[in-house]
């Protein structure tokens, strides 16, 4: 998928994929949400509002209240690319969230996922 397509995809198409990925590994939607809150600074109410607006994925990150300063600690490979080497900041944010959900699905503890 060309990267601009993911920028324009609806958050309402991507979010359920994260939840399904987590649930297949006996993790919960609440844990996916906790990751999103940690990374983006959205509150539960703000995330629900963004989902209700059916916004593009790019807008979701552009309107994020505050990216977590510890997001720079997220390292590893997603889709064959090291997340710490991605130069496009929006794509890096997208891949950070992908990486955190991958870690959740692989059974890592929340404290490790959230870099605490």
N, C-alpha and C. Protein backbone atom coordinates (compact mmCIF):
# COMPACT_ATOMS: atom_id res chain seq x y z
N UNK A 1 0.85 -1.18 0.00
CA UNK A 1 0.00 0.00 0.00
C UNK A 1 0.90 1.24 0.00
N UNK A 2 0.71 2.10 -0.97
CA UNK A 2 1.50 3.33 -0.94
C UNK A 2 1.23 4.11 0.33
N UNK A 3 2.25 4.78 0.83
CA UNK A 3 2.13 5.41 2.13
C UNK A 3 1.05 6.48 2.18
N UNK A 4 0.81 7.19 1.07
CA UNK A 4 -0.22 8.21 1.11
C UNK A 4 -1.60 7.59 1.30
N UNK A 5 -1.78 6.35 0.87
CA UNK A 5 -3.06 5.69 1.08
C UNK A 5 -3.33 5.49 2.57
N UNK A 6 -2.33 5.11 3.33
CA UNK A 6 -2.54 4.92 4.76
C UNK A 6 -2.83 6.26 5.44
N UNK A 7 -2.23 7.33 4.94
CA UNK A 7 -2.50 8.65 5.51
C UNK A 7 -3.97 9.00 5.38
N UNK A 8 -4.56 8.61 4.27
CA UNK A 8 -5.95 8.97 3.96
C UNK A 8 -6.97 7.93 4.38
N UNK A 9 -6.51 6.77 4.84
CA UNK A 9 -7.46 5.75 5.31
C UNK A 9 -8.22 6.27 6.53
N UNK A 10 -9.42 5.82 6.65
CA UNK A 10 -10.25 6.21 7.79
C UNK A 10 -9.71 5.58 9.08
N UNK A 11 -9.65 6.37 10.11
CA UNK A 11 -9.29 5.84 11.43
C UNK A 11 -10.24 4.71 11.80
N UNK A 12 -11.48 4.81 11.37
CA UNK A 12 -12.48 3.78 11.69
C UNK A 12 -12.24 2.46 10.97
N UNK A 13 -11.37 2.44 9.98
CA UNK A 13 -10.97 1.17 9.35
C UNK A 13 -9.73 0.59 10.04
N UNK A 14 -8.85 1.46 10.49
CA UNK A 14 -7.59 1.02 11.09
C UNK A 14 -7.77 0.59 12.54
N UNK A 15 -8.50 1.37 13.31
CA UNK A 15 -8.67 1.07 14.73
C UNK A 15 -9.21 -0.35 14.98
N UNK A 16 -10.26 -0.80 14.27
CA UNK A 16 -10.74 -2.16 14.51
C UNK A 16 -9.70 -3.24 14.18
N UNK A 17 -8.81 -2.95 13.24
CA UNK A 17 -7.74 -3.91 12.93
C UNK A 17 -6.79 -4.07 14.11
N UNK A 18 -6.49 -2.95 14.78
CA UNK A 18 -5.65 -3.03 15.97
C UNK A 18 -6.34 -3.87 17.05
N UNK A 19 -7.62 -3.62 17.26
CA UNK A 19 -8.38 -4.35 18.28
C UNK A 19 -8.43 -5.83 17.93
N UNK A 20 -8.71 -6.16 16.69
CA UNK A 20 -8.77 -7.57 16.27
C UNK A 20 -7.43 -8.26 16.46
N UNK A 21 -6.36 -7.58 16.10
CA UNK A 21 -5.02 -8.16 16.27
C UNK A 21 -4.76 -8.47 17.74
N UNK A 22 -5.12 -7.54 18.60
CA UNK A 22 -4.93 -7.74 20.04
C UNK A 22 -5.80 -8.88 20.55
N UNK A 23 -7.07 -8.88 20.17
CA UNK A 23 -8.00 -9.90 20.67
C UNK A 23 -7.63 -11.30 20.21
N UNK A 24 -7.05 -11.43 19.01
CA UNK A 24 -6.60 -12.76 18.55
C UNK A 24 -5.54 -13.34 19.48
N UNK A 25 -4.84 -12.46 20.20
CA UNK A 25 -3.79 -12.90 21.12
C UNK A 25 -4.22 -12.74 22.58
N UNK A 26 -5.55 -12.73 22.79
CA UNK A 26 -6.12 -12.65 24.14
C UNK A 26 -5.76 -11.36 24.87
N UNK A 27 -5.60 -10.28 24.12
CA UNK A 27 -5.43 -8.97 24.72
C UNK A 27 -6.74 -8.21 24.52
N UNK A 28 -6.88 -7.06 25.14
CA UNK A 28 -8.17 -6.39 25.16
C UNK A 28 -8.17 -5.06 24.39
N UNK A 29 -9.37 -4.62 23.98
CA UNK A 29 -9.48 -3.29 23.39
C UNK A 29 -9.01 -2.20 24.37
N UNK A 30 -9.23 -2.40 25.65
CA UNK A 30 -8.79 -1.43 26.65
C UNK A 30 -7.26 -1.28 26.62
N UNK A 31 -6.55 -2.37 26.37
CA UNK A 31 -5.09 -2.29 26.29
C UNK A 31 -4.66 -1.54 25.03
N UNK A 32 -5.37 -1.77 23.92
CA UNK A 32 -5.09 -1.01 22.69
C UNK A 32 -5.30 0.47 22.96
N UNK A 33 -6.41 0.80 23.61
CA UNK A 33 -6.70 2.20 23.94
C UNK A 33 -5.63 2.79 24.84
N UNK A 34 -5.18 2.03 25.82
CA UNK A 34 -4.14 2.53 26.73
C UNK A 34 -2.88 2.89 25.95
N UNK A 35 -2.54 2.08 24.97
CA UNK A 35 -1.38 2.36 24.12
C UNK A 35 -1.60 3.66 23.34
N UNK A 36 -2.79 3.81 22.78
CA UNK A 36 -3.10 5.02 22.01
C UNK A 36 -3.04 6.25 22.91
N UNK A 37 -3.62 6.15 24.11
CA UNK A 37 -3.59 7.29 25.05
C UNK A 37 -2.14 7.66 25.37
N UNK A 38 -1.34 6.64 25.66
CA UNK A 38 0.06 6.88 26.03
C UNK A 38 0.82 7.55 24.89
N UNK A 39 0.67 7.03 23.68
CA UNK A 39 1.44 7.53 22.55
C UNK A 39 1.00 8.92 22.12
N UNK A 40 -0.31 9.15 22.05
CA UNK A 40 -0.83 10.37 21.42
C UNK A 40 -1.30 11.45 22.38
N UNK A 41 -1.54 11.09 23.62
CA UNK A 41 -2.07 12.05 24.57
C UNK A 41 -3.58 12.19 24.53
N UNK A 42 -4.24 11.45 23.64
CA UNK A 42 -5.71 11.47 23.63
C UNK A 42 -6.24 10.89 24.93
N UNK A 43 -7.35 11.43 25.40
CA UNK A 43 -8.08 10.84 26.53
C UNK A 43 -9.11 9.87 25.96
N UNK A 44 -9.77 9.15 26.83
CA UNK A 44 -10.82 8.22 26.40
C UNK A 44 -11.90 8.97 25.62
N UNK A 45 -12.31 10.12 26.15
CA UNK A 45 -13.35 10.93 25.52
C UNK A 45 -12.88 11.47 24.17
N UNK A 46 -11.64 11.93 24.12
CA UNK A 46 -11.10 12.47 22.87
C UNK A 46 -10.96 11.40 21.79
N UNK A 47 -10.51 10.21 22.18
CA UNK A 47 -10.40 9.11 21.21
C UNK A 47 -11.79 8.75 20.68
N UNK A 48 -12.76 8.65 21.57
CA UNK A 48 -14.13 8.34 21.13
C UNK A 48 -14.64 9.40 20.17
N UNK A 49 -14.33 10.67 20.43
CA UNK A 49 -14.76 11.76 19.55
C UNK A 49 -14.11 11.64 18.17
N UNK A 50 -12.83 11.29 18.15
CA UNK A 50 -12.14 11.13 16.87
C UNK A 50 -12.74 9.97 16.07
N UNK A 51 -13.05 8.89 16.76
CA UNK A 51 -13.67 7.75 16.07
C UNK A 51 -15.06 8.12 15.56
N UNK A 52 -15.79 8.92 16.30
CA UNK A 52 -17.13 9.34 15.90
C UNK A 52 -17.10 10.25 14.67
N UNK A 53 -16.00 11.00 14.50
CA UNK A 53 -15.89 11.93 13.37
C UNK A 53 -15.48 11.24 12.07
N UNK A 54 -15.00 10.00 12.16
CA UNK A 54 -14.57 9.26 10.96
C UNK A 54 -13.53 10.05 10.17
N UNK A 55 -12.43 10.36 10.83
CA UNK A 55 -11.37 11.19 10.24
C UNK A 55 -10.31 10.33 9.55
N UNK A 56 -9.53 10.94 8.65
CA UNK A 56 -8.39 10.24 8.07
C UNK A 56 -7.32 9.98 9.15
N UNK A 57 -6.57 8.92 8.95
CA UNK A 57 -5.52 8.55 9.89
C UNK A 57 -4.53 9.70 10.08
N UNK A 58 -4.20 10.41 9.00
CA UNK A 58 -3.29 11.55 9.10
C UNK A 58 -3.83 12.60 10.06
N UNK A 59 -5.10 12.90 9.98
CA UNK A 59 -5.72 13.90 10.85
C UNK A 59 -5.66 13.45 12.30
N UNK A 60 -5.85 12.17 12.53
CA UNK A 60 -5.78 11.62 13.89
C UNK A 60 -4.44 11.98 14.53
N UNK A 61 -3.35 11.82 13.80
CA UNK A 61 -2.03 12.13 14.35
C UNK A 61 -1.78 13.64 14.38
N UNK A 62 -2.26 14.37 13.39
CA UNK A 62 -2.07 15.82 13.37
C UNK A 62 -2.79 16.48 14.55
N UNK A 63 -3.93 15.93 14.95
CA UNK A 63 -4.70 16.51 16.04
C UNK A 63 -4.38 15.90 17.41
N UNK A 64 -3.41 14.99 17.44
CA UNK A 64 -3.04 14.37 18.71
C UNK A 64 -2.61 15.44 19.71
N UNK A 65 -3.16 15.38 20.93
CA UNK A 65 -2.86 16.42 21.92
C UNK A 65 -1.37 16.56 22.23
N UNK A 66 -0.67 15.45 22.41
CA UNK A 66 0.75 15.52 22.81
C UNK A 66 1.37 14.15 22.61
N UNK A 67 2.27 14.03 21.65
CA UNK A 67 2.98 12.76 21.50
C UNK A 67 3.85 12.56 22.74
N UNK A 68 3.87 11.35 23.24
CA UNK A 68 4.63 11.04 24.44
C UNK A 68 6.11 11.27 24.18
N UNK A 69 6.79 11.99 25.06
CA UNK A 69 8.23 12.24 24.85
C UNK A 69 9.05 10.94 24.81
N UNK A 70 8.54 9.88 25.43
CA UNK A 70 9.27 8.61 25.42
C UNK A 70 9.05 7.81 24.13
N UNK A 71 8.30 8.36 23.18
CA UNK A 71 8.08 7.64 21.93
C UNK A 71 9.40 7.43 21.18
N UNK A 72 10.39 8.23 21.44
CA UNK A 72 11.69 8.05 20.80
C UNK A 72 12.37 6.76 21.25
N UNK A 73 11.86 6.16 22.33
CA UNK A 73 12.41 4.90 22.82
C UNK A 73 11.85 3.70 22.06
N UNK A 74 10.87 3.95 21.19
CA UNK A 74 10.28 2.86 20.41
C UNK A 74 11.23 2.53 19.27
N UNK A 75 11.72 1.29 19.27
CA UNK A 75 12.65 0.85 18.24
C UNK A 75 12.20 -0.51 17.74
N UNK A 76 12.74 -0.89 16.62
CA UNK A 76 12.44 -2.20 16.07
C UNK A 76 11.95 -2.08 14.64
N UNK A 77 11.50 -3.22 14.11
CA UNK A 77 11.14 -3.31 12.70
C UNK A 77 9.64 -3.51 12.56
N UNK A 78 9.05 -2.72 11.66
CA UNK A 78 7.65 -2.88 11.27
C UNK A 78 7.63 -2.83 9.75
N UNK A 79 7.00 -3.82 9.14
CA UNK A 79 6.92 -3.88 7.67
C UNK A 79 8.31 -3.81 7.03
N UNK A 80 9.29 -4.42 7.68
CA UNK A 80 10.63 -4.49 7.13
C UNK A 80 11.46 -3.22 7.27
N UNK A 81 10.95 -2.24 8.01
CA UNK A 81 11.65 -0.96 8.16
C UNK A 81 11.86 -0.67 9.63
N UNK A 82 13.05 -0.23 9.99
CA UNK A 82 13.34 0.15 11.37
C UNK A 82 12.60 1.45 11.67
N UNK A 83 11.76 1.45 12.70
CA UNK A 83 10.94 2.62 12.99
C UNK A 83 11.79 3.83 13.37
N UNK A 84 12.92 3.60 14.00
CA UNK A 84 13.76 4.71 14.41
C UNK A 84 14.47 5.38 13.23
N UNK A 85 14.46 4.74 12.06
CA UNK A 85 15.12 5.29 10.88
C UNK A 85 14.16 5.97 9.91
N UNK A 86 12.89 5.97 10.19
CA UNK A 86 11.91 6.57 9.29
C UNK A 86 12.04 8.09 9.35
N UNK A 87 12.23 8.71 8.21
CA UNK A 87 12.45 10.16 8.16
C UNK A 87 11.16 10.97 8.15
N UNK A 88 10.12 10.44 7.51
CA UNK A 88 8.83 11.14 7.45
C UNK A 88 8.18 11.03 8.82
N UNK A 89 8.01 12.16 9.51
CA UNK A 89 7.53 12.15 10.89
C UNK A 89 6.14 11.53 11.03
N UNK A 90 5.24 11.82 10.09
CA UNK A 90 3.91 11.23 10.15
C UNK A 90 3.98 9.71 10.00
N UNK A 91 4.76 9.25 9.04
CA UNK A 91 4.90 7.80 8.86
C UNK A 91 5.54 7.17 10.09
N UNK A 92 6.48 7.86 10.70
CA UNK A 92 7.11 7.33 11.91
C UNK A 92 6.09 7.18 13.03
N UNK A 93 5.21 8.17 13.20
CA UNK A 93 4.17 8.08 14.23
C UNK A 93 3.25 6.90 13.96
N UNK A 94 2.88 6.71 12.69
CA UNK A 94 2.02 5.59 12.31
C UNK A 94 2.71 4.27 12.65
N UNK A 95 3.97 4.17 12.31
CA UNK A 95 4.70 2.92 12.56
C UNK A 95 4.98 2.70 14.04
N UNK A 96 5.13 3.78 14.80
CA UNK A 96 5.27 3.62 16.26
C UNK A 96 4.04 2.94 16.81
N UNK A 97 2.86 3.39 16.40
CA UNK A 97 1.63 2.78 16.90
C UNK A 97 1.54 1.33 16.43
N UNK A 98 1.89 1.07 15.18
CA UNK A 98 1.92 -0.31 14.69
C UNK A 98 2.83 -1.18 15.56
N UNK A 99 4.00 -0.66 15.87
CA UNK A 99 4.99 -1.41 16.65
C UNK A 99 4.46 -1.71 18.05
N UNK A 100 3.83 -0.73 18.68
CA UNK A 100 3.31 -0.93 20.03
C UNK A 100 2.20 -1.98 20.04
N UNK A 101 1.32 -1.94 19.05
CA UNK A 101 0.24 -2.94 18.97
C UNK A 101 0.84 -4.32 18.67
N UNK A 102 1.88 -4.37 17.83
CA UNK A 102 2.58 -5.64 17.59
C UNK A 102 3.14 -6.21 18.89
N UNK A 103 3.74 -5.34 19.69
CA UNK A 103 4.31 -5.80 20.97
C UNK A 103 3.21 -6.32 21.89
N UNK A 104 2.07 -5.67 21.89
CA UNK A 104 0.93 -6.12 22.69
C UNK A 104 0.51 -7.51 22.24
N UNK A 105 0.39 -7.69 20.94
CA UNK A 105 -0.04 -8.98 20.39
C UNK A 105 1.00 -10.08 20.63
N UNK A 106 2.25 -9.69 20.80
CA UNK A 106 3.31 -10.68 21.07
C UNK A 106 3.42 -11.02 22.55
N UNK A 107 2.55 -10.41 23.37
CA UNK A 107 2.51 -10.78 24.77
C UNK A 107 3.38 -9.97 25.71
N UNK A 108 3.96 -8.89 25.24
CA UNK A 108 4.77 -8.06 26.14
C UNK A 108 3.88 -7.43 27.20
N UNK A 109 4.48 -7.15 28.34
CA UNK A 109 3.74 -6.49 29.41
C UNK A 109 3.51 -5.03 29.05
N UNK A 110 2.45 -4.45 29.61
CA UNK A 110 2.15 -3.06 29.32
C UNK A 110 3.29 -2.14 29.77
N UNK A 111 3.93 -2.45 30.89
CA UNK A 111 5.01 -1.57 31.33
C UNK A 111 6.17 -1.57 30.34
N UNK A 112 6.44 -2.69 29.69
CA UNK A 112 7.49 -2.72 28.66
C UNK A 112 7.03 -2.00 27.40
N UNK A 113 5.77 -2.22 27.02
CA UNK A 113 5.25 -1.56 25.82
C UNK A 113 5.27 -0.05 25.98
N UNK A 114 4.88 0.41 27.17
CA UNK A 114 4.78 1.86 27.42
C UNK A 114 6.11 2.46 27.88
N UNK A 115 7.16 1.68 27.78
CA UNK A 115 8.51 2.17 28.10
C UNK A 115 8.60 2.83 29.47
N UNK A 116 8.04 2.14 30.48
CA UNK A 116 8.10 2.68 31.84
C UNK A 116 9.13 1.95 32.68
